[in-house]
Protein backbone atom coordinates (compact mmCIF):
# COMPACT_ATOMS: atom_id res chain seq x y z
CA MET A 1 -5.83 -20.61 -25.00
CA LYS A 2 -6.82 -21.84 -21.00
CA THR A 3 -4.36 -24.82 -21.90
CA TRP A 4 -1.31 -22.10 -23.23
CA GLY A 5 -2.17 -19.76 -20.07
CA CYS A 6 -1.60 -22.84 -17.56
CA PHE A 7 1.51 -23.67 -19.54
CA LEU A 8 3.52 -20.02 -19.10
CA LEU A 9 2.13 -19.71 -15.29
CA VAL A 10 4.02 -22.74 -14.92
CA MET A 11 7.12 -22.28 -17.13
CA LEU A 12 7.60 -18.59 -15.31
CA ALA A 13 7.29 -20.70 -11.79
CA VAL A 14 9.49 -23.05 -13.20
CA VAL A 15 12.71 -21.20 -15.13
CA PRO A 16 14.74 -19.47 -12.98
CA GLY A 17 15.48 -15.79 -14.22
CA GLY A 18 11.43 -15.00 -14.53
CA PHE A 19 9.89 -12.09 -14.98
CA ALA A 20 9.60 -10.53 -11.15
CA GLN A 21 13.17 -11.47 -10.65
CA ASP A 22 14.35 -9.21 -13.35
CA LEU A 23 12.41 -6.06 -10.81
CA PRO A 24 14.05 -4.36 -7.82
CA THR A 25 12.79 -6.42 -4.77
CA CYS A 26 10.55 -4.07 -2.50
CA ALA A 27 9.29 -4.48 1.48
CA VAL A 28 6.51 -2.50 2.74
CA MET A 29 6.28 -2.35 5.99
CA THR A 30 2.75 -1.91 8.22
CA PHE A 31 2.03 2.28 7.90
CA GLU A 32 1.95 4.38 11.86
CA ALA A 33 -0.98 4.95 12.82
CA THR A 34 -1.45 8.46 13.98
CA GLY A 35 -4.50 11.25 14.85
CA GLY A 36 -7.08 8.97 15.70
CA VAL A 37 -6.26 6.47 13.19
CA SER A 38 -6.75 2.94 15.26
CA ALA A 39 -3.91 0.43 14.64
CA ASP A 40 -5.98 -1.92 13.37
CA ASP A 41 -7.17 0.33 10.12
CA ALA A 42 -3.21 1.41 9.61
CA ARG A 43 -2.72 -2.65 9.46
CA VAL A 44 -5.57 -2.84 7.04
CA LEU A 45 -5.20 0.30 4.88
CA SER A 46 -1.05 -0.65 4.43
CA ASP A 47 -2.62 -4.10 3.47
CA ARG A 48 -4.22 -2.31 0.80
CA PHE A 49 -1.73 0.02 -0.81
CA GLU A 50 0.81 -3.08 -0.43
CA VAL A 51 -1.31 -4.75 -3.23
CA GLU A 52 -2.40 -1.37 -5.56
CA PHE A 53 1.86 -0.67 -5.14
CA GLY A 54 1.92 -4.49 -6.36
CA ARG A 55 -0.10 -3.84 -9.34
CA LEU A 56 1.75 -0.89 -10.80
CA GLY A 57 4.10 -3.88 -11.41
CA GLN A 58 7.72 -1.95 -10.82
CA TYR A 59 8.90 -3.78 -7.75
CA ALA A 60 8.97 -7.57 -6.38
CA LEU A 61 7.66 -7.07 -3.24
CA PHE A 62 8.65 -9.33 -0.67
CA PRO A 63 6.10 -10.99 0.31
CA ARG A 64 4.22 -9.46 3.38
CA ALA A 65 3.32 -12.87 5.42
CA ASN A 66 7.07 -13.79 5.38
CA ILE A 67 7.80 -10.31 6.84
CA GLY A 68 6.38 -11.01 9.68
CA LYS A 69 8.17 -14.37 10.06
CA VAL A 70 11.61 -12.77 10.05
CA ILE A 71 9.92 -9.71 11.76
CA ASP A 72 9.52 -11.69 14.44
CA LEU A 73 13.27 -13.96 14.64
CA GLN A 74 14.47 -10.92 14.93
CA LYS A 75 12.03 -8.98 17.65
CA TYR A 76 11.70 -6.25 15.78
CA ASN A 77 8.55 -3.84 15.28
CA LEU A 78 7.04 -4.07 11.96
CA THR A 79 5.58 -0.72 11.96
CA CYS A 80 8.14 1.23 10.59
CA ALA A 81 7.86 5.55 11.05
CA GLY A 82 12.09 6.12 9.58
CA SER A 83 14.07 5.81 7.10
CA GLU A 84 16.91 4.86 9.23
CA CYS A 85 14.40 2.01 10.76
CA ALA A 86 13.21 1.44 7.22
CA MET A 87 16.42 1.19 6.31
CA GLU A 88 17.65 -1.23 8.98
CA LEU A 89 15.06 -3.86 8.01
CA GLY A 90 15.20 -3.70 4.42
CA GLN A 91 18.83 -5.38 4.62
CA LEU A 92 17.01 -7.75 7.49
CA LEU A 93 15.34 -8.42 4.83
CA THR A 94 18.15 -8.83 1.68
CA VAL A 95 15.49 -6.05 0.15
CA GLN A 96 16.30 -2.78 -1.99
CA TYR A 97 14.00 -0.94 -1.53
CA THR A 98 11.51 -0.29 1.93
CA VAL A 99 7.78 1.78 1.91
CA PHE A 100 7.47 3.32 4.96
CA GLY A 101 4.91 5.34 6.06
CA SER A 102 2.16 6.77 8.58
CA ILE A 103 -1.91 7.42 8.41
CA GLY A 104 -3.51 9.96 10.07
CA LYS A 105 -6.56 12.04 10.43
CA VAL A 106 -7.05 15.50 11.63
CA GLY A 107 -10.78 16.41 11.53
CA SER A 108 -12.14 14.56 8.69
CA VAL A 109 -9.26 14.56 6.74
CA TYR A 110 -7.27 11.19 6.23
CA THR A 111 -3.63 11.81 5.54
CA VAL A 112 -2.03 8.95 4.14
CA ASN A 113 2.34 10.06 3.94
CA ALA A 114 4.56 6.82 2.41
CA SER A 115 8.21 7.08 1.16
CA MET A 116 10.82 5.18 -0.37
CA VAL A 117 14.01 4.00 1.36
CA ASP A 118 16.92 2.37 -0.90
CA VAL A 119 18.29 0.24 1.55
CA GLY A 120 21.79 0.68 0.40
CA THR A 121 22.15 4.19 0.74
CA GLY A 122 19.74 5.18 2.68
CA LYS A 123 18.22 7.59 0.67
CA VAL A 124 15.10 8.11 0.61
CA GLU A 125 14.09 8.23 -3.21
CA LYS A 126 10.56 8.67 -3.30
CA GLN A 127 7.98 10.61 -0.96
CA CYS A 128 4.15 10.84 -1.26
CA SER A 129 1.30 12.58 0.63
CA TYR A 130 -2.50 11.93 -0.09
CA ASP A 131 -5.32 13.71 1.99
CA HIS A 132 -8.72 12.06 1.48
CA ARG A 133 -11.86 13.95 3.06
CA GLY A 134 -14.56 11.20 4.17
CA GLU A 135 -14.62 8.09 6.18
CA VAL A 136 -12.39 5.61 6.21
CA GLU A 137 -13.76 3.03 3.80
CA ASP A 138 -13.81 5.36 1.15
CA LEU A 139 -9.68 5.80 1.46
CA LEU A 140 -9.83 2.20 1.43
CA GLN A 141 -11.81 1.59 -1.78
CA TRP A 142 -9.96 4.46 -4.17
CA GLY A 143 -7.28 6.24 -1.44
CA MET A 144 -4.90 3.83 -1.43
CA ALA A 145 -4.92 2.81 -4.88
CA SER A 146 -4.24 6.54 -5.96
CA ALA A 147 -1.49 6.67 -2.99
CA ALA A 148 0.34 4.02 -4.18
């Protein structure tokens, strides 16, 4: 069984037209930190959102490490808080969709707002808001999966 699993992984990596290539492409930007959330926390929470979003299996994600390289070359900021910025970055990255958003805190409630933009049209295709009362650690462990 182990041999077949390795064989299938190798074939998917080598054969053009693998499953992931049939999925629409998407890049998840670093969410903007607002309302007392630190930039470091926003980065970590954005990373978790990307992982959970990727687990849904509906999009081929542009590798986050590569986003940073492209952004650095073009002198762009990886944090993107508006659909126009997300569309521009998506065109730069040659993906079909970008996800951008913000993570904020009001009192003891954290809020995550995310939007998905069709890079070709600039239209916001999907939006979600997720509120979490409690510690930022709980938001990381359970909330970002719900937001995705």
